[in-house]
Amino acid sequence: MDTQSSIRNQTHVSITLSNHLLNKSHNSNVVFSPLSTHVVLNLIVAGSKGETLDQLLSFLKAKNIDELNALSSQVVSLIMLDGSPVGGPQLSLANGVWVEQTVSLKPSFKQVVETVHKATCNQVDFKTRAIEVAKEVNLWAEKQTNGHIKDILPAGAVNNVTRLIFANAIYFKGAWSEKFDPSKTKNYDFHLFDGSKVLVPFMTTKKKQFLRKYDDFKVLCLPYETGKDKRRFTMCIFLPDAKDGLPSLIQKVGSQSDFLERHIPHQKVEVGQFLVPKFKISFGFEASDMLKELGLLLPFTSTEGLSEMVNSYANEKLYVSSIQHKSFVEVNEEGTEAAAVTATVFVFASLGRTYPKVDFVADHPFLFMIKEDTSGAMLFMGQVVDPTIN
């Protein structure tokens, strides 16, 4: 399998998702994990057939199930392997499956769940203990994300007709390769969309940075410590020149699939005025609504397409009732901590030259992402419109 090509396709889909989500959440701080969303969609693909399978493959820009299974296996075993033992970021990716005790996973689907996604399977009683099972899933998500993601499944998301839940949790904690000096952090104004200002603690440094200026925006990349890890993790900030320029920058990012790739700086430059705000964001949304708006309908409406997951009675057909997603990110002088959970509920019906000094003052709304550079995998994306709001 061509992993780079598959990751590029995944990034293209990630940008489509983020563009849609950010446009809809114009005045909100946002963070979500394209990688977590992809893992869940890839598992749904493995249990699909017919028109539903075709629509999922088309949406994910994949040729077949094998390509997505191979990509999921790479993500689980290589890209998200914990780097902390060799001096890199602390990473974890966990998958969990909860299955109604009166049904069983089909052998081929069970094999994908256990060998490709390394998921733990739990037989549970949805028919009489749905509320308790939902609490169990929520506690699992909280534990896997170091306590940052609570209540991934809202009240009422699980009931006595639920037959299957699949949840994915990812956790990232990385230290900057060059940490900021906390004694130099000072409060400055951050300009909001409505023209008002808020006081925010800004980090600063005089050290050279991976920074590049374009016509109407700038891009800063802050690398994380890697130690002996061959992977390279980076946070990139896309800052529009105009105080209210974020919406048009998001449109620009969404207009070309390789936009992000083409605008990543690879040269360190001297900095002039340099200010990056500290921020902490928690954000949750129902991903199924967004996917339906983008044209992915059949997994949520067809009762024929998800027939490869479980052995069921003739009059019971599986479909996706909801996909819930929550993410968290915190950026400070030491580095970044981030986490995300995506949970899917299935029910039966009766994703070298010299440069001049460059100023980088992120004192107005901007776009950010956390990615792994060698593979191109996008772990988190989001926007900061007001750093004072968690």
Protein backbone atom coordinates (compact mmCIF):
# COMPACT_ATOMS: atom_id res chain seq x y z
CA MET A 1 0.00 0.00 0.00
CA ASP A 2 1.17 3.56 -0.77
CA THR A 3 0.82 5.02 2.74
CA GLN A 4 1.75 8.56 1.62
CA SER A 5 -0.97 8.54 -1.04
CA SER A 6 -3.55 7.18 1.43
CA ILE A 7 -2.58 9.81 4.01
CA ARG A 8 -2.85 12.55 1.34
CA ASN A 9 -6.38 11.34 0.57
CA GLN A 10 -7.13 11.31 4.28
CA THR A 11 -5.81 14.89 4.60
CA HIS A 12 -8.03 15.97 1.70
CA VAL A 13 -11.06 14.53 3.49
CA SER A 14 -9.87 16.11 6.78
CA ILE A 15 -9.77 19.54 5.14
CA THR A 16 -13.27 19.04 3.74
CA LEU A 17 -14.52 18.14 7.22
CA SER A 18 -12.67 20.99 8.96
CA ASN A 19 -13.74 23.57 6.36
CA HIS A 20 -17.38 22.61 6.86
CA LEU A 21 -17.11 22.53 10.66
CA LEU A 22 -15.18 25.81 10.99
CA ASN A 23 -17.53 27.66 8.65
CA LYS A 24 -20.48 26.51 10.74
CA SER A 25 -18.73 27.46 14.01
CA HIS A 26 -17.62 30.95 12.92
CA ASN A 27 -17.68 32.52 16.40
CA SER A 28 -16.51 29.53 18.44
CA ASN A 29 -13.18 28.08 19.46
CA VAL A 30 -12.98 24.70 17.75
CA VAL A 31 -10.76 21.64 18.00
CA PHE A 32 -11.44 18.23 16.49
CA SER A 33 -9.47 15.19 15.43
CA PRO A 34 -9.70 14.25 11.74
CA LEU A 35 -7.66 11.14 12.58
CA SER A 36 -10.14 9.92 15.18
CA THR A 37 -13.08 10.57 12.84
CA HIS A 38 -11.30 8.63 10.08
CA VAL A 39 -10.62 5.62 12.28
CA VAL A 40 -14.33 5.34 13.10
CA LEU A 41 -15.42 5.75 9.47
CA ASN A 42 -12.84 3.15 8.38
CA LEU A 43 -14.38 0.65 10.78
CA ILE A 44 -17.88 1.36 9.46
CA VAL A 45 -16.51 0.68 5.95
CA ALA A 46 -15.27 -2.74 7.10
CA GLY A 47 -18.83 -3.72 7.98
CA SER A 48 -20.50 -2.30 4.88
CA LYS A 49 -21.55 -3.59 1.48
CA GLY A 50 -23.40 -2.48 -1.65
CA GLU A 51 -24.32 1.18 -2.19
CA THR A 52 -23.41 2.11 1.41
CA LEU A 53 -19.88 0.74 0.92
CA ASP A 54 -19.54 2.56 -2.42
CA GLN A 55 -20.66 5.85 -0.88
CA LEU A 56 -18.24 5.49 2.07
CA LEU A 57 -15.28 4.61 -0.19
CA SER A 58 -16.08 7.57 -2.46
CA PHE A 59 -16.36 9.94 0.53
CA LEU A 60 -13.03 8.68 1.95
CA LYS A 61 -11.37 8.75 -1.51
CA ALA A 62 -10.34 5.10 -1.18
CA LYS A 63 -10.30 2.34 -3.79
CA ASN A 64 -11.36 -0.52 -1.53
CA ILE A 65 -11.71 -1.83 2.02
CA ASP A 66 -8.20 -3.34 1.99
CA GLU A 67 -6.63 0.10 1.42
CA LEU A 68 -8.46 1.55 4.44
CA ASN A 69 -7.67 -1.47 6.62
CA ALA A 70 -3.97 -1.14 5.73
CA LEU A 71 -4.06 2.59 6.55
CA SER A 72 -5.83 1.96 9.88
CA SER A 73 -3.23 -0.67 10.76
CA GLN A 74 -0.40 1.85 10.02
CA VAL A 75 -2.10 4.51 12.14
CA VAL A 76 -2.54 2.15 15.11
CA SER A 77 0.87 0.44 15.01
CA LEU A 78 3.20 3.19 13.70
CA ILE A 79 1.88 6.76 13.55
CA MET A 80 0.20 6.71 16.99
CA LEU A 81 2.76 4.50 18.76
CA ASP A 82 3.76 6.09 22.09
CA GLY A 83 6.97 8.11 21.60
CA SER A 84 7.67 8.92 25.25
CA PRO A 85 10.03 5.94 25.89
CA VAL A 86 12.47 7.39 23.30
CA GLY A 87 12.05 11.06 24.22
CA GLY A 88 9.18 11.92 21.86
CA PRO A 89 5.57 12.90 22.57
CA GLN A 90 3.33 10.77 24.76
CA LEU A 91 0.81 9.22 22.36
CA SER A 92 -1.98 6.73 22.59
CA LEU A 93 -4.74 5.49 20.33
CA ALA A 94 -7.34 3.13 21.78
CA ASN A 95 -10.37 1.50 20.18
CA GLY A 96 -13.23 -0.11 22.06
CA VAL A 97 -16.30 -2.06 20.93
CA TRP A 98 -19.40 -2.80 22.99
CA VAL A 99 -21.70 -5.48 21.52
CA GLU A 100 -25.18 -6.52 22.67
CA GLN A 101 -24.84 -9.97 24.29
CA THR A 102 -27.65 -11.49 22.22
CA VAL A 103 -25.85 -10.79 18.91
CA SER A 104 -22.34 -11.61 17.74
CA LEU A 105 -19.83 -9.92 15.44
CA LYS A 106 -19.44 -11.68 12.10
CA PRO A 107 -16.04 -13.48 11.99
CA SER A 108 -14.59 -11.35 9.14
CA PHE A 109 -15.63 -8.08 10.86
CA LYS A 110 -14.41 -9.34 14.26
CA GLN A 111 -11.01 -10.04 12.71
CA VAL A 112 -10.73 -6.46 11.39
CA VAL A 113 -11.86 -5.06 14.74
CA GLU A 114 -9.29 -7.08 16.70
CA THR A 115 -6.29 -7.35 14.35
CA VAL A 116 -6.41 -4.08 12.35
CA HIS A 117 -7.92 -1.72 14.94
CA LYS A 118 -6.59 -3.59 18.03
CA ALA A 119 -9.95 -2.94 19.67
CA THR A 120 -11.10 -4.52 22.91
CA CYS A 121 -14.52 -6.17 22.52
CA ASN A 122 -17.04 -6.13 25.35
CA GLN A 123 -20.28 -8.15 25.44
CA VAL A 124 -22.92 -6.03 27.20
CA ASP A 125 -26.63 -5.93 27.96
CA PHE A 126 -28.12 -3.00 26.04
CA LYS A 127 -31.66 -4.36 26.36
CA THR A 128 -31.97 -3.92 30.12
CA ARG A 129 -28.79 -1.99 31.14
CA ALA A 130 -28.37 0.67 28.40
CA ILE A 131 -27.72 3.55 30.86
CA GLU A 132 -25.04 1.55 32.70
CA VAL A 133 -23.32 0.63 29.40
CA ALA A 134 -23.29 4.31 28.36
CA LYS A 135 -21.60 5.17 31.68
CA GLU A 136 -19.04 2.40 31.05
CA VAL A 137 -18.18 3.85 27.60
CA ASN A 138 -17.92 7.36 29.07
CA LEU A 139 -15.56 6.17 31.82
CA TRP A 140 -13.44 4.33 29.23
CA ALA A 141 -13.12 7.53 27.14
CA GLU A 142 -12.23 9.60 30.22
CA LYS A 143 -9.52 7.12 31.24
CA GLN A 144 -8.02 6.87 27.72
CA THR A 145 -7.75 10.69 27.43
CA ASN A 146 -6.19 11.31 30.85
CA GLY A 147 -9.46 12.70 32.20
CA HIS A 148 -9.98 15.35 29.51
CA ILE A 149 -12.96 13.90 27.60
CA LYS A 150 -15.99 13.34 29.79
CA ASP A 151 -19.47 12.13 28.80
CA ILE A 152 -18.74 11.39 25.12
CA LEU A 153 -22.18 9.76 24.95
CA PRO A 154 -24.90 12.26 25.90
CA ALA A 155 -28.03 11.23 27.80
CA GLY A 156 -30.37 9.32 25.52
CA ALA A 157 -27.71 8.34 22.96
CA VAL A 158 -27.89 4.69 24.08
CA ASN A 159 -31.13 2.77 24.64
CA ASN A 160 -32.60 -0.74 24.54
CA VAL A 161 -32.43 -0.95 20.72
CA THR A 162 -28.70 -0.10 20.64
CA ARG A 163 -26.76 -3.13 19.47
CA LEU A 164 -23.19 -1.89 18.91
CA ILE A 165 -20.97 1.02 19.99
CA PHE A 166 -17.53 1.67 18.55
CA ALA A 167 -15.34 4.32 20.22
CA ASN A 168 -11.92 5.69 19.32
CA ALA A 169 -9.79 7.78 21.70
CA ILE A 170 -6.52 9.52 20.90
CA TYR A 171 -4.21 11.33 23.30
CA PHE A 172 -1.19 13.52 22.56
CA LYS A 173 1.17 15.31 24.93
CA GLY A 174 4.26 16.89 23.43
CA ALA A 175 6.93 19.26 24.75
CA TRP A 176 8.20 22.01 22.44
CA SER A 177 11.69 21.31 21.10
CA GLU A 178 12.45 24.86 22.29
CA LYS A 179 10.30 25.72 25.30
CA PHE A 180 9.08 29.23 26.02
CA ASP A 181 10.35 31.04 29.12
CA PRO A 182 7.30 31.50 31.41
CA SER A 183 8.87 34.64 32.96
CA LYS A 184 8.62 36.36 29.57
CA THR A 185 4.90 35.57 29.16
CA LYS A 186 2.93 38.83 29.34
CA ASN A 187 -0.67 39.93 28.88
CA TYR A 188 -1.59 41.70 25.64
CA ASP A 189 -4.80 42.48 23.78
CA PHE A 190 -6.38 39.80 21.60
CA HIS A 191 -8.79 41.23 19.00
CA LEU A 192 -12.18 39.54 18.63
CA PHE A 193 -14.41 39.40 15.55
CA ASP A 194 -16.85 41.95 16.98
CA GLY A 195 -14.11 44.60 17.32
CA SER A 196 -13.71 44.24 21.09
CA LYS A 197 -10.52 43.11 22.86
CA VAL A 198 -9.63 40.71 25.68
CA LEU A 199 -6.43 40.48 27.74
CA VAL A 200 -4.60 37.21 27.09
CA PRO A 201 -1.22 35.78 28.25
CA PHE A 202 1.13 35.65 25.25
CA MET A 203 4.31 33.56 25.03
CA THR A 204 7.33 35.07 23.32
CA THR A 205 10.92 34.29 22.29
CA LYS A 206 13.77 35.81 20.26
CA LYS A 207 14.87 32.44 18.84
CA LYS A 208 14.63 31.71 15.10
CA GLN A 209 11.39 30.08 14.00
CA PHE A 210 9.99 28.03 11.11
CA LEU A 211 8.01 30.95 9.77
CA ARG A 212 6.93 32.18 6.35
CA LYS A 213 5.01 35.17 5.10
CA TYR A 214 2.57 34.97 2.18
CA ASP A 215 0.39 37.61 0.50
CA ASP A 216 -2.27 37.88 3.16
CA PHE A 217 -1.31 35.38 5.87
CA LYS A 218 1.66 33.90 7.73
CA VAL A 219 2.44 30.34 8.79
CA LEU A 220 4.37 29.37 11.93
CA CYS A 221 5.43 25.79 12.71
CA LEU A 222 6.45 24.88 16.25
CA PRO A 223 8.15 21.44 16.41
CA TYR A 224 7.85 19.10 19.38
CA GLU A 225 10.73 17.23 21.03
CA THR A 226 11.38 13.93 19.30
CA GLY A 227 14.38 12.35 21.04
CA LYS A 228 15.27 9.17 19.12
CA ASP A 229 11.83 9.02 17.53
CA LYS A 230 11.93 9.05 13.70
CA ARG A 231 8.52 10.73 13.57
CA ARG A 232 8.29 14.53 13.60
CA PHE A 233 5.30 16.18 15.27
CA THR A 234 4.53 19.86 14.72
CA MET A 235 1.90 22.45 15.57
CA CYS A 236 1.27 24.84 12.67
CA ILE A 237 -0.54 28.16 13.07
CA PHE A 238 -2.07 29.83 10.01
CA LEU A 239 -2.50 33.52 10.87
CA PRO A 240 -4.38 35.87 8.52
CA ASP A 241 -2.97 39.41 8.20
CA ALA A 242 -6.41 40.97 8.63
CA LYS A 243 -7.92 40.93 12.13
CA ASP A 244 -11.14 39.49 10.65
CA GLY A 245 -9.40 37.43 7.96
CA LEU A 246 -9.93 33.92 9.35
CA PRO A 247 -13.14 33.05 7.43
CA SER A 248 -11.56 33.89 4.05
CA LEU A 249 -8.35 32.00 5.00
CA ILE A 250 -10.45 28.93 5.87
CA GLN A 251 -12.14 29.19 2.45
CA LYS A 252 -8.69 29.38 0.83
CA VAL A 253 -7.49 26.29 2.74
CA GLY A 254 -10.59 24.38 1.67
CA SER A 255 -10.29 25.36 -2.00
CA GLN A 256 -7.18 23.24 -2.72
CA SER A 257 -6.45 19.79 -1.31
CA ASP A 258 -2.68 20.46 -1.11
CA PHE A 259 -2.94 24.02 0.27
CA LEU A 260 -1.63 23.15 3.74
CA GLU A 261 1.21 21.01 2.37
CA ARG A 262 2.37 23.77 0.00
CA HIS A 263 2.48 26.47 2.66
CA ILE A 264 4.42 24.71 5.43
CA PRO A 265 7.68 26.64 6.16
CA HIS A 266 10.89 24.57 6.08
CA GLN A 267 13.35 27.41 6.76
CA LYS A 268 14.07 29.01 10.13
CA VAL A 269 14.09 32.82 10.08
CA GLU A 270 14.91 35.62 12.49
CA VAL A 271 11.82 36.94 14.24
CA GLY A 272 10.91 40.50 15.06
CA GLN A 273 7.90 40.91 17.34
CA PHE A 274 6.78 37.39 18.22
CA LEU A 275 3.67 36.63 20.28
CA VAL A 276 1.69 33.38 20.53
CA PRO A 277 -1.24 33.16 22.98
CA LYS A 278 -1.69 30.40 25.52
CA PHE A 279 -5.03 28.68 25.05
CA LYS A 280 -7.17 25.77 26.18
CA ILE A 281 -10.17 24.50 24.19
CA SER A 282 -12.80 21.80 24.69
CA PHE A 283 -15.24 21.23 21.84
CA GLY A 284 -17.86 18.62 21.04
CA PHE A 285 -20.37 18.09 18.25
CA GLU A 286 -22.47 15.43 16.60
CA ALA A 287 -20.29 14.39 13.66
CA SER A 288 -23.14 12.47 12.02
CA ASP A 289 -24.93 15.77 11.28
CA MET A 290 -21.85 17.16 9.52
CA LEU A 291 -21.29 13.95 7.53
CA LYS A 292 -24.91 13.92 6.34
CA GLU A 293 -24.62 17.59 5.28
CA LEU A 294 -21.54 16.61 3.24
CA GLY A 295 -23.51 13.90 1.43
CA LEU A 296 -22.65 10.78 3.43
CA LEU A 297 -26.21 9.59 4.01
CA LEU A 298 -26.52 5.84 3.55
CA PRO A 299 -24.83 4.62 6.78
CA PHE A 300 -27.43 6.67 8.70
CA THR A 301 -30.51 5.90 6.61
CA SER A 302 -30.11 2.57 4.84
CA THR A 303 -31.00 -0.56 6.76
CA GLU A 304 -29.32 -2.83 4.19
CA GLY A 305 -25.74 -1.47 3.92
CA LEU A 306 -24.26 -2.41 7.32
CA SER A 307 -25.04 -6.11 7.12
CA GLU A 308 -21.39 -7.28 7.46
CA MET A 309 -20.99 -6.34 11.14
CA VAL A 310 -23.20 -8.59 13.25
CA ASN A 311 -25.25 -11.74 12.98
CA SER A 312 -28.82 -10.57 13.43
CA TYR A 313 -32.38 -11.72 13.15
CA ALA A 314 -33.99 -11.45 9.71
CA ASN A 315 -36.26 -8.58 10.76
CA GLU A 316 -33.48 -6.52 12.42
CA LYS A 317 -31.16 -4.31 10.32
CA LEU A 318 -28.24 -2.25 11.63
CA TYR A 319 -27.73 1.46 10.93
CA VAL A 320 -25.73 4.30 12.53
CA SER A 321 -27.91 6.40 14.81
CA SER A 322 -25.18 8.91 15.82
CA ILE A 323 -21.47 9.71 15.77
CA GLN A 324 -20.39 11.83 18.75
CA HIS A 325 -17.03 13.63 18.78
CA LYS A 326 -15.24 15.54 21.54
CA SER A 327 -11.76 17.05 21.56
CA PHE A 328 -9.51 18.96 23.95
CA VAL A 329 -6.28 20.91 23.41
CA GLU A 330 -4.09 23.00 25.72
CA VAL A 331 -1.09 25.06 24.56
CA ASN A 332 1.35 26.60 27.04
CA GLU A 333 5.07 27.35 27.54
CA GLU A 334 5.96 23.66 27.96
CA GLY A 335 4.11 22.29 24.93
CA THR A 336 0.73 20.84 24.02
CA GLU A 337 -1.70 18.36 25.50
CA ALA A 338 -4.56 17.19 23.28
CA ALA A 339 -7.17 14.45 23.28
CA ALA A 340 -10.17 13.34 21.26
CA VAL A 341 -12.87 10.68 21.30
CA THR A 342 -15.23 9.64 18.53
CA ALA A 343 -18.05 7.26 19.44
CA THR A 344 -20.48 5.67 17.01
CA VAL A 345 -23.77 4.19 18.12
CA PHE A 346 -25.41 1.56 15.92
CA VAL A 347 -29.03 0.56 16.39
CA PHE A 348 -31.40 -1.98 14.88
CA ALA A 349 -34.51 -0.73 13.08
CA SER A 350 -37.79 -2.75 12.91
CA LEU A 351 -13.23 10.37 9.93
CA GLY A 352 19.81 28.34 2.74
CA ARG A 353 19.25 31.84 1.82
CA THR A 354 18.83 34.74 4.24
CA TYR A 355 15.42 36.11 5.02
CA PRO A 356 14.40 39.43 6.55
CA LYS A 357 13.06 39.37 10.10
CA VAL A 358 9.41 38.40 10.25
CA ASP A 359 6.90 39.56 12.85
CA PHE A 360 4.37 37.00 14.07
CA VAL A 361 1.76 38.44 16.38
CA ALA A 362 -1.16 36.02 16.80
CA ASP A 363 -3.41 38.61 18.48
CA HIS A 364 -6.54 37.81 16.44
CA PRO A 365 -8.43 34.66 15.30
CA PHE A 366 -6.27 31.95 13.68
CA LEU A 367 -6.28 28.36 12.42
CA PHE A 368 -4.07 25.64 13.95
CA MET A 369 -3.25 21.98 13.43
CA ILE A 370 -1.10 19.25 14.99
CA LYS A 371 0.41 16.87 12.46
CA GLU A 372 3.03 14.17 12.02
CA ASP A 373 5.38 15.45 9.32
CA THR A 374 6.90 12.28 7.86
CA SER A 375 3.53 10.66 7.13
CA GLY A 376 1.49 13.87 6.84
CA ALA A 377 -1.15 12.51 9.26
CA MET A 378 -3.41 15.21 10.70
CA LEU A 379 -4.05 14.54 14.41
CA PHE A 380 -5.94 17.72 15.33
CA MET A 381 -7.29 20.83 13.62
CA GLY A 382 -9.12 23.84 14.95
CA GLN A 383 -9.48 27.58 15.30
CA VAL A 384 -8.92 30.04 18.16
CA VAL A 385 -11.29 33.02 18.11
CA ASP A 386 -11.08 33.90 21.84
CA PRO A 387 -8.27 32.37 23.98
CA THR A 388 -10.05 33.38 27.20
CA ILE A 389 -12.87 30.87 26.56
CA ASN A 390 -12.21 27.18 27.37
